[in-house]
Structure formats: C-alpha cells, structure tokens
PDB file of N, CA and C in Angstrom:
ATOM      1  N   MET A   1      20.530 -23.373  11.146  1.00  0.00           N
ATOM      2  CA  MET A   1      20.149 -22.579  10.010  1.00  0.00           C
ATOM      3  C   MET A   1      19.078 -23.304   9.186  1.00  0.00           C
ATOM      4  N   ALA A   2      18.091 -22.532   8.812  1.00  0.00           N
ATOM      5  CA  ALA A   2      17.020 -23.114   8.024  1.00  0.00           C
ATOM      6  C   ALA A   2      17.050 -22.493   6.627  1.00  0.00           C
ATOM      7  N   SER A   3      16.481 -23.271   5.685  1.00  0.00           N
ATOM      8  CA  SER A   3      16.327 -22.804   4.316  1.00  0.00           C
ATOM      9  C   SER A   3      14.863 -22.315   4.170  1.00  0.00           C
ATOM     10  N   ILE A   4      14.721 -21.051   3.876  1.00  0.00           N
ATOM     11  CA  ILE A   4      13.399 -20.424   3.876  1.00  0.00           C
ATOM     12  C   ILE A   4      13.049 -19.909   2.481  1.00  0.00           C
ATOM     13  N   LEU A   5      11.859 -20.200   2.046  1.00  0.00           N
ATOM     14  CA  LEU A   5      11.315 -19.634   0.822  1.00  0.00           C
ATOM     15  C   LEU A   5      10.373 -18.548   1.209  1.00  0.00           C
ATOM     16  N   LEU A   6      10.659 -17.303   0.806  1.00  0.00           N
ATOM     17  CA  LEU A   6       9.860 -16.128   1.141  1.00  0.00           C
ATOM     18  C   LEU A   6       9.104 -15.714  -0.097  1.00  0.00           C
ATOM     19  N   ALA A   7       7.808 -15.675  -0.019  1.00  0.00           N
ATOM     20  CA  ALA A   7       6.958 -15.208  -1.162  1.00  0.00           C
ATOM     21  C   ALA A   7       6.189 -13.972  -0.654  1.00  0.00           C
ATOM     22  N   GLU A   8       6.582 -12.815  -1.169  1.00  0.00           N
ATOM     23  CA  GLU A   8       6.000 -11.516  -0.754  1.00  0.00           C
ATOM     24  C   GLU A   8       6.079 -10.610  -1.943  1.00  0.00           C
ATOM     25  N   ASP A   9       4.907 -10.045  -2.376  1.00  0.00           N
ATOM     26  CA  ASP A   9       4.913  -9.196  -3.548  1.00  0.00           C
ATOM     27  C   ASP A   9       5.355  -7.743  -3.290  1.00  0.00           C
ATOM     28  N   ASP A  10       5.309  -7.328  -2.047  1.00  0.00           N
ATOM     29  CA  ASP A  10       5.769  -5.982  -1.666  1.00  0.00           C
ATOM     30  C   ASP A  10       7.318  -5.995  -1.635  1.00  0.00           C
ATOM     31  N   GLU A  11       7.968  -5.343  -2.609  1.00  0.00           N
ATOM     32  CA  GLU A  11       9.396  -5.417  -2.729  1.00  0.00           C
ATOM     33  C   GLU A  11      10.156  -4.955  -1.485  1.00  0.00           C
ATOM     34  N   SER A  12       9.717  -3.833  -0.930  1.00  0.00           N
ATOM     35  CA  SER A  12      10.393  -3.288   0.295  1.00  0.00           C
ATOM     36  C   SER A  12      10.319  -4.291   1.434  1.00  0.00           C
ATOM     37  N   LEU A  13       9.094  -4.754   1.685  1.00  0.00           N
ATOM     38  CA  LEU A  13       8.899  -5.758   2.769  1.00  0.00           C
ATOM     39  C   LEU A  13       9.714  -6.983   2.515  1.00  0.00           C
ATOM     40  N   ARG A  14       9.704  -7.429   1.273  1.00  0.00           N
ATOM     41  CA  ARG A  14      10.469  -8.668   0.896  1.00  0.00           C
ATOM     42  C   ARG A  14      11.940  -8.484   1.245  1.00  0.00           C
ATOM     43  N   ARG A  15      12.513  -7.347   0.881  1.00  0.00           N
ATOM     44  CA  ARG A  15      13.924  -7.087   1.124  1.00  0.00           C
ATOM     45  C   ARG A  15      14.193  -7.016   2.650  1.00  0.00           C
ATOM     46  N   PHE A  16      13.339  -6.345   3.392  1.00  0.00           N
ATOM     47  CA  PHE A  16      13.560  -6.226   4.830  1.00  0.00           C
ATOM     48  C   PHE A  16      13.460  -7.592   5.515  1.00  0.00           C
ATOM     49  N   LEU A  17      12.451  -8.375   5.134  1.00  0.00           N
ATOM     50  CA  LEU A  17      12.271  -9.724   5.745  1.00  0.00           C
ATOM     51  C   LEU A  17      13.469 -10.598   5.413  1.00  0.00           C
ATOM     52  N   ALA A  18      13.856 -10.601   4.155  1.00  0.00           N
ATOM     53  CA  ALA A  18      15.005 -11.413   3.735  1.00  0.00           C
ATOM     54  C   ALA A  18      16.258 -11.097   4.497  1.00  0.00           C
ATOM     55  N   ALA A  19      16.507  -9.787   4.639  1.00  0.00           N
ATOM     56  CA  ALA A  19      17.710  -9.302   5.329  1.00  0.00           C
ATOM     57  C   ALA A  19      17.657  -9.695   6.811  1.00  0.00           C
ATOM     58  N   ALA A  20      16.521  -9.528   7.441  1.00  0.00           N
ATOM     59  CA  ALA A  20      16.337  -9.888   8.874  1.00  0.00           C
ATOM     60  C   ALA A  20      16.562 -11.403   9.087  1.00  0.00           C
ATOM     61  N   LEU A  21      16.024 -12.198   8.212  1.00  0.00           N
ATOM     62  CA  LEU A  21      16.136 -13.626   8.387  1.00  0.00           C
ATOM     63  C   LEU A  21      17.581 -14.109   8.089  1.00  0.00           C
ATOM     64  N   GLU A  22      18.226 -13.472   7.104  1.00  0.00           N
ATOM     65  CA  GLU A  22      19.628 -13.786   6.801  1.00  0.00           C
ATOM     66  C   GLU A  22      20.518 -13.409   7.947  1.00  0.00           C
ATOM     67  N   ARG A  23      20.258 -12.258   8.564  1.00  0.00           N
ATOM     68  CA  ARG A  23      21.036 -11.833   9.755  1.00  0.00           C
ATOM     69  C   ARG A  23      20.868 -12.832  10.891  1.00  0.00           C
ATOM     70  N   ALA A  24      19.711 -13.488  10.950  1.00  0.00           N
ATOM     71  CA  ALA A  24      19.452 -14.474  11.962  1.00  0.00           C
ATOM     72  C   ALA A  24      20.115 -15.819  11.657  1.00  0.00           C
ATOM     73  N   GLY A  25      20.798 -15.914  10.494  1.00  0.00           N
ATOM     74  CA  GLY A  25      21.488 -17.079  10.125  1.00  0.00           C
ATOM     75  C   GLY A  25      20.825 -18.024   9.143  1.00  0.00           C
ATOM     76  N   HIS A  26      19.703 -17.635   8.584  1.00  0.00           N
ATOM     77  CA  HIS A  26      18.954 -18.483   7.676  1.00  0.00           C
ATOM     78  C   HIS A  26      19.299 -18.211   6.213  1.00  0.00           C
ATOM     79  N   ALA A  27      19.156 -19.214   5.376  1.00  0.00           N
ATOM     80  CA  ALA A  27      19.306 -19.031   3.959  1.00  0.00           C
ATOM     81  C   ALA A  27      17.933 -18.725   3.394  1.00  0.00           C
ATOM     82  N   VAL A  28      17.823 -17.625   2.653  1.00  0.00           N
ATOM     83  CA  VAL A  28      16.495 -17.156   2.184  1.00  0.00           C
ATOM     84  C   VAL A  28      16.525 -17.020   0.648  1.00  0.00           C
ATOM     85  N   THR A  29      15.514 -17.611   0.078  1.00  0.00           N
ATOM     86  CA  THR A  29      15.199 -17.429  -1.344  1.00  0.00           C
ATOM     87  C   THR A  29      13.957 -16.563  -1.370  1.00  0.00           C
ATOM     88  N   ALA A  30      14.027 -15.393  -1.958  1.00  0.00           N
ATOM     89  CA  ALA A  30      12.921 -14.489  -1.978  1.00  0.00           C
ATOM     90  C   ALA A  30      12.289 -14.371  -3.350  1.00  0.00           C
ATOM     91  N   CYS A  31      10.956 -14.479  -3.408  1.00  0.00           N
ATOM     92  CA  CYS A  31      10.212 -14.388  -4.693  1.00  0.00           C
ATOM     93  C   CYS A  31       9.135 -13.330  -4.548  1.00  0.00           C
ATOM     94  N   GLY A  32       8.844 -12.665  -5.736  1.00  0.00           N
ATOM     95  CA  GLY A  32       7.898 -11.590  -5.704  1.00  0.00           C
ATOM     96  C   GLY A  32       6.457 -11.985  -6.031  1.00  0.00           C
ATOM     97  N   ASP A  33       6.291 -13.242  -6.412  1.00  0.00           N
ATOM     98  CA  ASP A  33       4.904 -13.725  -6.604  1.00  0.00           C
ATOM     99  C   ASP A  33       4.827 -15.218  -6.417  1.00  0.00           C
ATOM    100  N   GLY A  34       3.611 -15.703  -6.362  1.00  0.00           N
ATOM    101  CA  GLY A  34       3.364 -17.121  -6.038  1.00  0.00           C
ATOM    102  C   GLY A  34       3.872 -18.092  -7.112  1.00  0.00           C
ATOM    103  N   LEU A  35       3.840 -17.694  -8.376  1.00  0.00           N
ATOM    104  CA  LEU A  35       4.273 -18.568  -9.456  1.00  0.00           C
ATOM    105  C   LEU A  35       5.806 -18.816  -9.342  1.00  0.00           C
ATOM    106  N   ASP A  36       6.552 -17.731  -9.123  1.00  0.00           N
ATOM    107  CA  ASP A  36       7.978 -17.856  -8.975  1.00  0.00           C
ATOM    108  C   ASP A  36       8.333 -18.739  -7.751  1.00  0.00           C
ATOM    109  N   ALA A  37       7.583 -18.518  -6.673  1.00  0.00           N
ATOM    110  CA  ALA A  37       7.797 -19.289  -5.459  1.00  0.00           C
ATOM    111  C   ALA A  37       7.550 -20.754  -5.708  1.00  0.00           C
ATOM    112  N   TYR A  38       6.498 -21.049  -6.435  1.00  0.00           N
ATOM    113  CA  TYR A  38       6.169 -22.433  -6.749  1.00  0.00           C
ATOM    114  C   TYR A  38       7.253 -23.102  -7.524  1.00  0.00           C
ATOM    115  N   LYS A  39       7.811 -22.373  -8.504  1.00  0.00           N
ATOM    116  CA  LYS A  39       8.921 -22.867  -9.313  1.00  0.00           C
ATOM    117  C   LYS A  39      10.118 -23.181  -8.397  1.00  0.00           C
ATOM    118  N   SER A  40      10.357 -22.298  -7.466  1.00  0.00           N
ATOM    119  CA  SER A  40      11.491 -22.525  -6.497  1.00  0.00           C
ATOM    120  C   SER A  40      11.235 -23.768  -5.668  1.00  0.00           C
ATOM    121  N   LEU A  41       9.983 -23.960  -5.217  1.00  0.00           N
ATOM    122  CA  LEU A  41       9.627 -25.118  -4.418  1.00  0.00           C
ATOM    123  C   LEU A  41       9.900 -26.410  -5.140  1.00  0.00           C
ATOM    124  N   LYS A  42       9.586 -26.408  -6.439  1.00  0.00           N
ATOM    125  CA  LYS A  42       9.796 -27.629  -7.237  1.00  0.00           C
ATOM    126  C   LYS A  42      11.268 -27.875  -7.489  1.00  0.00           C
ATOM    127  N   GLU A  43      12.093 -26.873  -7.427  1.00  0.00           N
ATOM    128  CA  GLU A  43      13.513 -27.029  -7.785  1.00  0.00           C
ATOM    129  C   GLU A  43      14.444 -27.231  -6.554  1.00  0.00           C
ATOM    130  N   GLY A  44      13.955 -26.942  -5.361  1.00  0.00           N
ATOM    131  CA  GLY A  44      14.828 -27.002  -4.197  1.00  0.00           C
ATOM    132  C   GLY A  44      14.101 -27.521  -2.965  1.00  0.00           C
ATOM    133  N   HIS A  45      14.877 -27.695  -1.919  1.00  0.00           N
ATOM    134  CA  HIS A  45      14.353 -28.134  -0.620  1.00  0.00           C
ATOM    135  C   HIS A  45      14.349 -26.952   0.333  1.00  0.00           C
ATOM    136  N   TYR A  46      13.216 -26.785   1.046  1.00  0.00           N
ATOM    137  CA  TYR A  46      13.058 -25.683   2.009  1.00  0.00           C
ATOM    138  C   TYR A  46      12.502 -26.275   3.317  1.00  0.00           C
ATOM    139  N   ASP A  47      12.881 -25.644   4.394  1.00  0.00           N
ATOM    140  CA  ASP A  47      12.385 -26.000   5.722  1.00  0.00           C
ATOM    141  C   ASP A  47      11.084 -25.253   6.037  1.00  0.00           C
ATOM    142  N   LEU A  48      10.959 -24.047   5.454  1.00  0.00           N
ATOM    143  CA  LEU A  48       9.827 -23.203   5.787  1.00  0.00           C
ATOM    144  C   LEU A  48       9.402 -22.385   4.557  1.00  0.00           C
ATOM    145  N   LEU A  49       8.109 -22.335   4.352  1.00  0.00           N
ATOM    146  CA  LEU A  49       7.512 -21.437   3.363  1.00  0.00           C
ATOM    147  C   LEU A  49       6.891 -20.262   4.131  1.00  0.00           C
ATOM    148  N   LEU A  50       7.373 -19.067   3.890  1.00  0.00           N
ATOM    149  CA  LEU A  50       6.880 -17.834   4.511  1.00  0.00           C
ATOM    150  C   LEU A  50       6.223 -17.046   3.392  1.00  0.00           C
ATOM    151  N   SER A  51       4.870 -16.977   3.438  1.00  0.00           N
ATOM    152  CA  SER A  51       4.142 -16.420   2.280  1.00  0.00           C
ATOM    153  C   SER A  51       3.067 -15.419   2.651  1.00  0.00           C
ATOM    154  N   ASP A  52       3.007 -14.381   1.841  1.00  0.00           N
ATOM    155  CA  ASP A  52       1.875 -13.464   1.909  1.00  0.00           C
ATOM    156  C   ASP A  52       0.703 -14.239   1.304  1.00  0.00           C
ATOM    157  N   ILE A  53      -0.532 -13.749   1.570  1.00  0.00           N
ATOM    158  CA  ILE A  53      -1.651 -14.412   0.990  1.00  0.00           C
ATOM    159  C   ILE A  53      -2.085 -13.776  -0.343  1.00  0.00           C
ATOM    160  N   VAL A  54      -2.192 -12.455  -0.329  1.00  0.00           N
ATOM    161  CA  VAL A  54      -2.647 -11.772  -1.532  1.00  0.00           C
ATOM    162  C   VAL A  54      -1.427 -11.390  -2.385  1.00  0.00           C
ATOM    163  N   MET A  55      -1.256 -12.147  -3.516  1.00  0.00           N
ATOM    164  CA  MET A  55      -0.143 -11.928  -4.423  1.00  0.00           C
ATOM    165  C   MET A  55      -0.591 -12.183  -5.832  1.00  0.00           C
ATOM    166  N   PRO A  56       0.142 -11.579  -6.770  1.00  0.00           N
ATOM    167  CA  PRO A  56      -0.207 -11.850  -8.202  1.00  0.00           C
ATOM    168  C   PRO A  56       0.266 -13.234  -8.601  1.00  0.00           C
ATOM    169  N   GLY A  57      -0.323 -13.749  -9.650  1.00  0.00           N
ATOM    170  CA  GLY A  57       0.111 -15.062 -10.213  1.00  0.00           C
ATOM    171  C   GLY A  57      -0.483 -16.231  -9.523  1.00  0.00           C
ATOM    172  N   LEU A  58      -0.204 -16.400  -8.309  1.00  0.00           N
ATOM    173  CA  LEU A  58      -0.711 -17.543  -7.510  1.00  0.00           C
ATOM    174  C   LEU A  58      -0.804 -17.035  -6.095  1.00  0.00           C
ATOM    175  N   ASP A  59      -1.981 -17.085  -5.486  1.00  0.00           N
ATOM    176  CA  ASP A  59      -2.115 -16.509  -4.136  1.00  0.00           C
ATOM    177  C   ASP A  59      -1.425 -17.457  -3.120  1.00  0.00           C
ATOM    178  N   GLY A  60      -1.236 -16.908  -1.952  1.00  0.00           N
ATOM    179  CA  GLY A  60      -0.494 -17.656  -0.928  1.00  0.00           C
ATOM    180  C   GLY A  60      -1.171 -18.898  -0.477  1.00  0.00           C
ATOM    181  N   ILE A  61      -2.477 -18.942  -0.428  1.00  0.00           N
ATOM    182  CA  ILE A  61      -3.168 -20.162   0.003  1.00  0.00           C
ATOM    183  C   ILE A  61      -3.013 -21.305  -1.014  1.00  0.00           C
ATOM    184  N   GLU A  62      -3.161 -20.967  -2.305  1.00  0.00           N
ATOM    185  CA  GLU A  62      -2.951 -21.939  -3.298  1.00  0.00           C
ATOM    186  C   GLU A  62      -1.465 -22.412  -3.331  1.00  0.00           C
ATOM    187  N   LEU A  63      -0.569 -21.494  -3.172  1.00  0.00           N
ATOM    188  CA  LEU A  63       0.865 -21.827  -3.093  1.00  0.00           C
ATOM    189  C   LEU A  63       1.121 -22.765  -1.894  1.00  0.00           C
ATOM    190  N   ALA A  64       0.536 -22.474  -0.798  1.00  0.00           N
ATOM    191  CA  ALA A  64       0.694 -23.341   0.416  1.00  0.00           C
ATOM    192  C   ALA A  64       0.143 -24.764   0.165  1.00  0.00           C
ATOM    193  N   LYS A  65      -1.047 -24.802  -0.461  1.00  0.00           N
ATOM    194  CA  LYS A  65      -1.626 -26.116  -0.740  1.00  0.00           C
ATOM    195  C   LYS A  65      -0.712 -26.912  -1.653  1.00  0.00           C
ATOM    196  N   ARG A  66      -0.194 -26.311  -2.721  1.00  0.00           N
ATOM    197  CA  ARG A  66       0.670 -26.996  -3.629  1.00  0.00           C
ATOM    198  C   ARG A  66       2.017 -27.371  -2.935  1.00  0.00           C
ATOM    199  N   ALA A  67       2.477 -26.503  -2.068  1.00  0.00           N
ATOM    200  CA  ALA A  67       3.707 -26.755  -1.322  1.00  0.00           C
ATOM    201  C   ALA A  67       3.520 -27.957  -0.391  1.00  0.00           C
ATOM    202  N   ALA A  68       2.384 -28.041   0.261  1.00  0.00           N
ATOM    203  CA  ALA A  68       2.103 -29.189   1.125  1.00  0.00           C
ATOM    204  C   ALA A  68       1.985 -30.471   0.382  1.00  0.00           C
ATOM    205  N   ASP A  69       1.486 -30.420  -0.881  1.00  0.00           N
ATOM    206  CA  ASP A  69       1.443 -31.608  -1.735  1.00  0.00           C
ATOM    207  C   ASP A  69       2.849 -32.062  -2.124  1.00  0.00           C
ATOM    208  N   LEU A  70       3.707 -31.100  -2.397  1.00  0.00           N
ATOM    209  CA  LEU A  70       5.124 -31.470  -2.747  1.00  0.00           C
ATOM    210  C   LEU A  70       5.877 -32.002  -1.554  1.00  0.00           C
ATOM    211  N   ASP A  71       5.653 -31.390  -0.400  1.00  0.00           N
ATOM    212  CA  ASP A  71       6.381 -31.756   0.827  1.00  0.00           C
ATOM    213  C   ASP A  71       5.528 -31.629   2.023  1.00  0.00           C
ATOM    214  N   PRO A  72       4.861 -32.705   2.430  1.00  0.00           N
ATOM    215  CA  PRO A  72       3.929 -32.683   3.580  1.00  0.00           C
ATOM    216  C   PRO A  72       4.584 -32.220   4.877  1.00  0.00           C
ATOM    217  N   LEU A  73       5.934 -32.290   4.976  1.00  0.00           N
ATOM    218  CA  LEU A  73       6.608 -31.931   6.213  1.00  0.00           C
ATOM    219  C   LEU A  73       7.042 -30.447   6.215  1.00  0.00           C
ATOM    220  N   LEU A  74       6.853 -29.786   5.076  1.00  0.00           N
ATOM    221  CA  LEU A  74       7.238 -28.383   4.962  1.00  0.00           C
ATOM    222  C   LEU A  74       6.421 -27.534   5.960  1.00  0.00           C
ATOM    223  N   LYS A  75       7.095 -26.707   6.731  1.00  0.00           N
ATOM    224  CA  LYS A  75       6.392 -25.797   7.674  1.00  0.00           C
ATOM    225  C   LYS A  75       5.964 -24.537   6.870  1.00  0.00           C
ATOM    226  N   ILE A  76       4.768 -24.085   7.208  1.00  0.00           N
ATOM    227  CA  ILE A  76       4.191 -22.971   6.409  1.00  0.00           C
ATOM    228  C   ILE A  76       3.745 -21.882   7.405  1.00  0.00           C
ATOM    229  N   MET A  77       4.108 -20.615   7.046  1.00  0.00           N
ATOM    230  CA  MET A  77       3.649 -19.501   7.832  1.00  0.00           C
ATOM    231  C   MET A  77       3.152 -18.444   6.829  1.00  0.00           C
ATOM    232  N   PHE A  78       1.961 -17.910   7.111  1.00  0.00           N
ATOM    233  CA  PHE A  78       1.418 -16.813   6.318  1.00  0.00           C
ATOM    234  C   PHE A  78       1.717 -15.511   7.033  1.00  0.00           C
ATOM    235  N   ILE A  79       2.102 -14.499   6.287  1.00  0.00           N
ATOM    236  CA  ILE A  79       2.221 -13.173   6.782  1.00  0.00           C
ATOM    237  C   ILE A  79       1.220 -12.327   5.987  1.00  0.00           C
ATOM    238  N   THR A  80       0.265 -11.772   6.675  1.00  0.00           N
ATOM    239  CA  THR A  80      -0.856 -11.161   5.930  1.00  0.00           C
ATOM    240  C   THR A  80      -1.619 -10.132   6.734  1.00  0.00           C
ATOM    241  N   GLY A  81      -2.233  -9.251   5.989  1.00  0.00           N
ATOM    242  CA  GLY A  81      -3.148  -8.314   6.559  1.00  0.00           C
ATOM    243  C   GLY A  81      -4.560  -8.891   6.560  1.00  0.00           C
ATOM    244  N   PHE A  82      -4.708 -10.090   6.045  1.00  0.00           N
ATOM    245  CA  PHE A  82      -6.018 -10.711   5.839  1.00  0.00           C
ATOM    246  C   PHE A  82      -6.080 -12.043   6.615  1.00  0.00           C
ATOM    247  N   ALA A  83      -5.736 -12.002   7.903  1.00  0.00           N
ATOM    248  CA  ALA A  83      -5.673 -13.268   8.704  1.00  0.00           C
ATOM    249  C   ALA A  83      -6.959 -13.986   8.697  1.00  0.00           C
ATOM    250  N   ALA A  84      -8.083 -13.267   8.697  1.00  0.00           N
ATOM    251  CA  ALA A  84      -9.362 -13.992   8.713  1.00  0.00           C
ATOM    252  C   ALA A  84      -9.557 -14.869   7.509  1.00  0.00           C
ATOM    253  N   VAL A  85      -9.019 -14.449   6.365  1.00  0.00           N
ATOM    254  CA  VAL A  85      -9.100 -15.236   5.139  1.00  0.00           C
ATOM    255  C   VAL A  85      -8.337 -16.542   5.316  1.00  0.00           C
ATOM    256  N   ALA A  86      -7.158 -16.487   5.858  1.00  0.00           N
ATOM    257  CA  ALA A  86      -6.335 -17.680   6.037  1.00  0.00           C
ATOM    258  C   ALA A  86      -6.921 -18.620   7.103  1.00  0.00           C
ATOM    259  N   LEU A  87      -7.558 -18.059   8.078  1.00  0.00           N
ATOM    260  CA  LEU A  87      -8.071 -18.859   9.167  1.00  0.00           C
ATOM    261  C   LEU A  87      -9.420 -19.472   8.880  1.00  0.00           C
ATOM    262  N   HIS A  88     -10.123 -18.901   7.858  1.00  0.00           N
ATOM    263  CA  HIS A  88     -11.481 -19.346   7.524  1.00  0.00           C
ATOM    264  C   HIS A  88     -11.409 -20.777   6.976  1.00  0.00           C
ATOM    265  N   PRO A  89     -12.234 -21.694   7.488  1.00  0.00           N
ATOM    266  CA  PRO A  89     -12.208 -23.066   7.090  1.00  0.00           C
ATOM    267  C   PRO A  89     -12.394 -23.231   5.557  1.00  0.00           C
ATOM    268  N   ALA A  90     -13.119 -22.357   4.902  1.00  0.00           N
ATOM    269  CA  ALA A  90     -13.381 -22.474   3.457  1.00  0.00           C
ATOM    270  C   ALA A  90     -12.138 -22.122   2.651  1.00  0.00           C
ATOM    271  N   SER A  91     -11.128 -21.544   3.296  1.00  0.00           N
ATOM    272  CA  SER A  91      -9.936 -21.131   2.524  1.00  0.00           C
ATOM    273  C   SER A  91      -9.141 -22.304   2.067  1.00  0.00           C
ATOM    274  N   GLU A  92      -9.269 -23.486   2.663  1.00  0.00           N
ATOM    275  CA  GLU A  92      -8.513 -24.681   2.370  1.00  0.00           C
ATOM    276  C   GLU A  92      -7.024 -24.484   2.551  1.00  0.00           C
ATOM    277  N   ALA A  93      -6.666 -23.550   3.399  1.00  0.00           N
ATOM    278  CA  ALA A  93      -5.220 -23.400   3.743  1.00  0.00           C
ATOM    279  C   ALA A  93      -4.805 -24.624   4.508  1.00  0.00           C
ATOM    280  N   PRO A  94      -3.554 -25.049   4.364  1.00  0.00           N
ATOM    281  CA  PRO A  94      -3.078 -26.196   5.170  1.00  0.00           C
ATOM    282  C   PRO A  94      -3.319 -25.940   6.663  1.00  0.00           C
ATOM    283  N   LYS A  95      -3.882 -26.942   7.330  1.00  0.00           N
ATOM    284  CA  LYS A  95      -4.276 -26.765   8.700  1.00  0.00           C
ATOM    285  C   LYS A  95      -3.139 -26.518   9.672  1.00  0.00           C
ATOM    286  N   HIS A  96      -1.935 -26.946   9.315  1.00  0.00           N
ATOM    287  CA  HIS A  96      -0.788 -26.771  10.185  1.00  0.00           C
ATOM    288  C   HIS A  96      -0.090 -25.443   9.991  1.00  0.00           C
ATOM    289  N   ALA A  97      -0.583 -24.614   9.065  1.00  0.00           N
ATOM    290  CA  ALA A  97       0.029 -23.344   8.798  1.00  0.00           C
ATOM    291  C   ALA A  97      -0.166 -22.351   9.955  1.00  0.00           C
ATOM    292  N   LYS A  98       0.824 -21.575  10.224  1.00  0.00           N
ATOM    293  CA  LYS A  98       0.706 -20.507  11.208  1.00  0.00           C
ATOM    294  C   LYS A  98       0.394 -19.191  10.468  1.00  0.00           C
ATOM    295  N   VAL A  99      -0.293 -18.294  11.115  1.00  0.00           N
ATOM    296  CA  VAL A  99      -0.635 -17.010  10.529  1.00  0.00           C
ATOM    297  C   VAL A  99      -0.115 -15.900  11.432  1.00  0.00           C
ATOM    298  N   LEU A 100       0.682 -14.999  10.856  1.00  0.00           N
ATOM    299  CA  LEU A 100       1.181 -13.821  11.543  1.00  0.00           C
ATOM    300  C   LEU A 100       0.598 -12.613  10.832  1.00  0.00           C
ATOM    301  N   SER A 101      -0.164 -11.850  11.579  1.00  0.00           N
ATOM    302  CA  SER A 101      -0.885 -10.703  10.992  1.00  0.00           C
ATOM    303  C   SER A 101       0.071  -9.469  10.852  1.00  0.00           C
ATOM    304  N   LYS A 102      -0.088  -8.803   9.700  1.00  0.00           N
ATOM    305  CA  LYS A 102       0.587  -7.509   9.496  1.00  0.00           C
ATOM    306  C   LYS A 102      -0.238  -6.465  10.201  1.00  0.00           C
ATOM    307  N   PRO A 103       0.350  -5.420  10.743  1.00  0.00           N
ATOM    308  CA  PRO A 103       1.808  -5.171  10.773  1.00  0.00           C
ATOM    309  C   PRO A 103       2.446  -5.962  11.899  1.00  0.00           C
ATOM    310  N   PHE A 104       3.726  -6.222  11.715  1.00  0.00           N
ATOM    311  CA  PHE A 104       4.512  -6.917  12.728  1.00  0.00           C
ATOM    312  C   PHE A 104       5.880  -6.302  12.763  1.00  0.00           C
ATOM    313  N   HIS A 105       6.605  -6.546  13.842  1.00  0.00           N
ATOM    314  CA  HIS A 105       7.970  -6.081  13.994  1.00  0.00           C
ATOM    315  C   HIS A 105       8.909  -7.127  13.410  1.00  0.00           C
ATOM    316  N   LEU A 106       9.965  -6.753  12.787  1.00  0.00           N
ATOM    317  CA  LEU A 106      10.867  -7.741  12.217  1.00  0.00           C
ATOM    318  C   LEU A 106      11.365  -8.709  13.271  1.00  0.00           C
ATOM    319  N   ARG A 107      11.642  -8.240  14.472  1.00  0.00           N
ATOM    320  CA  ARG A 107      12.091  -9.128  15.531  1.00  0.00           C
ATOM    321  C   ARG A 107      11.027 -10.192  15.834  1.00  0.00           C
ATOM    322  N   GLU A 108       9.780  -9.813  15.759  1.00  0.00           N
ATOM    323  CA  GLU A 108       8.644 -10.754  16.015  1.00  0.00           C
ATOM    324  C   GLU A 108       8.650 -11.834  14.968  1.00  0.00           C
ATOM    325  N   ILE A 109       8.819 -11.499  13.706  1.00  0.00           N
ATOM    326  CA  ILE A 109       8.765 -12.542  12.681  1.00  0.00           C
ATOM    327  C   ILE A 109       9.965 -13.471  12.789  1.00  0.00           C
ATOM    328  N   VAL A 110      11.121 -12.925  13.134  1.00  0.00           N
ATOM    329  CA  VAL A 110      12.324 -13.782  13.284  1.00  0.00           C
ATOM    330  C   VAL A 110      12.052 -14.757  14.446  1.00  0.00           C
ATOM    331  N   GLN A 111      11.494 -14.278  15.539  1.00  0.00           N
ATOM    332  CA  GLN A 111      11.207 -15.143  16.706  1.00  0.00           C
ATOM    333  C   GLN A 111      10.180 -16.252  16.278  1.00  0.00           C
ATOM    334  N   GLU A 112       9.160 -15.892  15.556  1.00  0.00           N
ATOM    335  CA  GLU A 112       8.153 -16.880  15.128  1.00  0.00           C
ATOM    336  C   GLU A 112       8.765 -17.922  14.227  1.00  0.00           C
ATOM    337  N   VAL A 113       9.632 -17.466  13.298  1.00  0.00           N
ATOM    338  CA  VAL A 113      10.305 -18.394  12.435  1.00  0.00           C
ATOM    339  C   VAL A 113      11.165 -19.369  13.239  1.00  0.00           C
ATOM    340  N   GLU A 114      11.906 -18.837  14.190  1.00  0.00           N
ATOM    341  CA  GLU A 114      12.755 -19.652  15.102  1.00  0.00           C
ATOM    342  C   GLU A 114      11.878 -20.724  15.806  1.00  0.00           C
ATOM    343  N   ARG A 115      10.749 -20.343  16.316  1.00  0.00           N
ATOM    344  CA  ARG A 115       9.839 -21.263  16.994  1.00  0.00           C
ATOM    345  C   ARG A 115       9.364 -22.365  16.025  1.00  0.00           C
ATOM    346  N   MET A 116       8.981 -21.963  14.865  1.00  0.00           N
ATOM    347  CA  MET A 116       8.484 -22.968  13.880  1.00  0.00           C
ATOM    348  C   MET A 116       9.581 -23.942  13.488  1.00  0.00           C
ATOM    349  N   ILE A 117      10.775 -23.443  13.240  1.00  0.00           N
ATOM    350  CA  ILE A 117      11.880 -24.284  12.830  1.00  0.00           C
ATOM    351  C   ILE A 117      12.228 -25.277  13.980  1.00  0.00           C
ATOM    352  N   ALA A 118      12.164 -24.796  15.195  1.00  0.00           N
ATOM    353  CA  ALA A 118      12.498 -25.694  16.344  1.00  0.00           C
ATOM    354  C   ALA A 118      11.467 -26.767  16.652  1.00  0.00           C
ATOM    355  N   ALA A 119      10.225 -26.478  16.201  1.00  0.00           N
ATOM    356  CA  ALA A 119       9.148 -27.403  16.540  1.00  0.00           C
ATOM    357  C   ALA A 119       9.193 -28.694  15.704  1.00  0.00           C
TER     358      ALA A 119
END
C-alpha cells in the first residue's frame, strides 16, 4: 500500500481517481488545488504525488518542484491534457516525473501508479 497525494481541481475526476486508488489498496489524500496539496506535503509523508498541471492556486509543475525540494525521493506523476507543457524542457518539471495524458481509463492510471510504486 502506498500513500498518495492527489491534486486535481476537477471534483468529479478527483473523486473517481481517489476511489479507484483506494480500491487498489492505497491511502489517498485528495486536494482540489495546488496550495492545499502543498500544505499536505509539508504536513505528511507520501510515496507518490499524482497531480494535474493546470490548477488554481499553484499549478502542478510548481507543486511538483516544491514537492521534489521537500522530498527528493518522492515519485511524481502528472495527469494532464497538456502533456506537451509538462514534457517541454522550459517547464522545469522534475525530470523524473511521469506524464499520463488525459483522457485515460481508471484501470490504466491504477496500473501506472502500481508501476511507479514498485520502481
């Protein structure tokens, strides 16, 4: 079981993702924006940050940079419809972050999370 911080501003998607990951046996803390997610990162330990890129308050790339500063071993995965933004070298996204493009199937994201946790 992994401890996952989920940062996703779309409430429906956030609920579906959290439920799917919890069914897979993971502990999930779900936040609706980057600022709340950053507060959670400072207060607890997580194995994985699963973050959208475009969010209010603090975007996913800045959240990931701050998360990597707090815990260089934290695994990071972006879920986004803007994969090119995350992959662009100028984005300054952590180089070890994985990007999963929307739309995706819930089973696919659970499998990707499992792979990242196992690595």
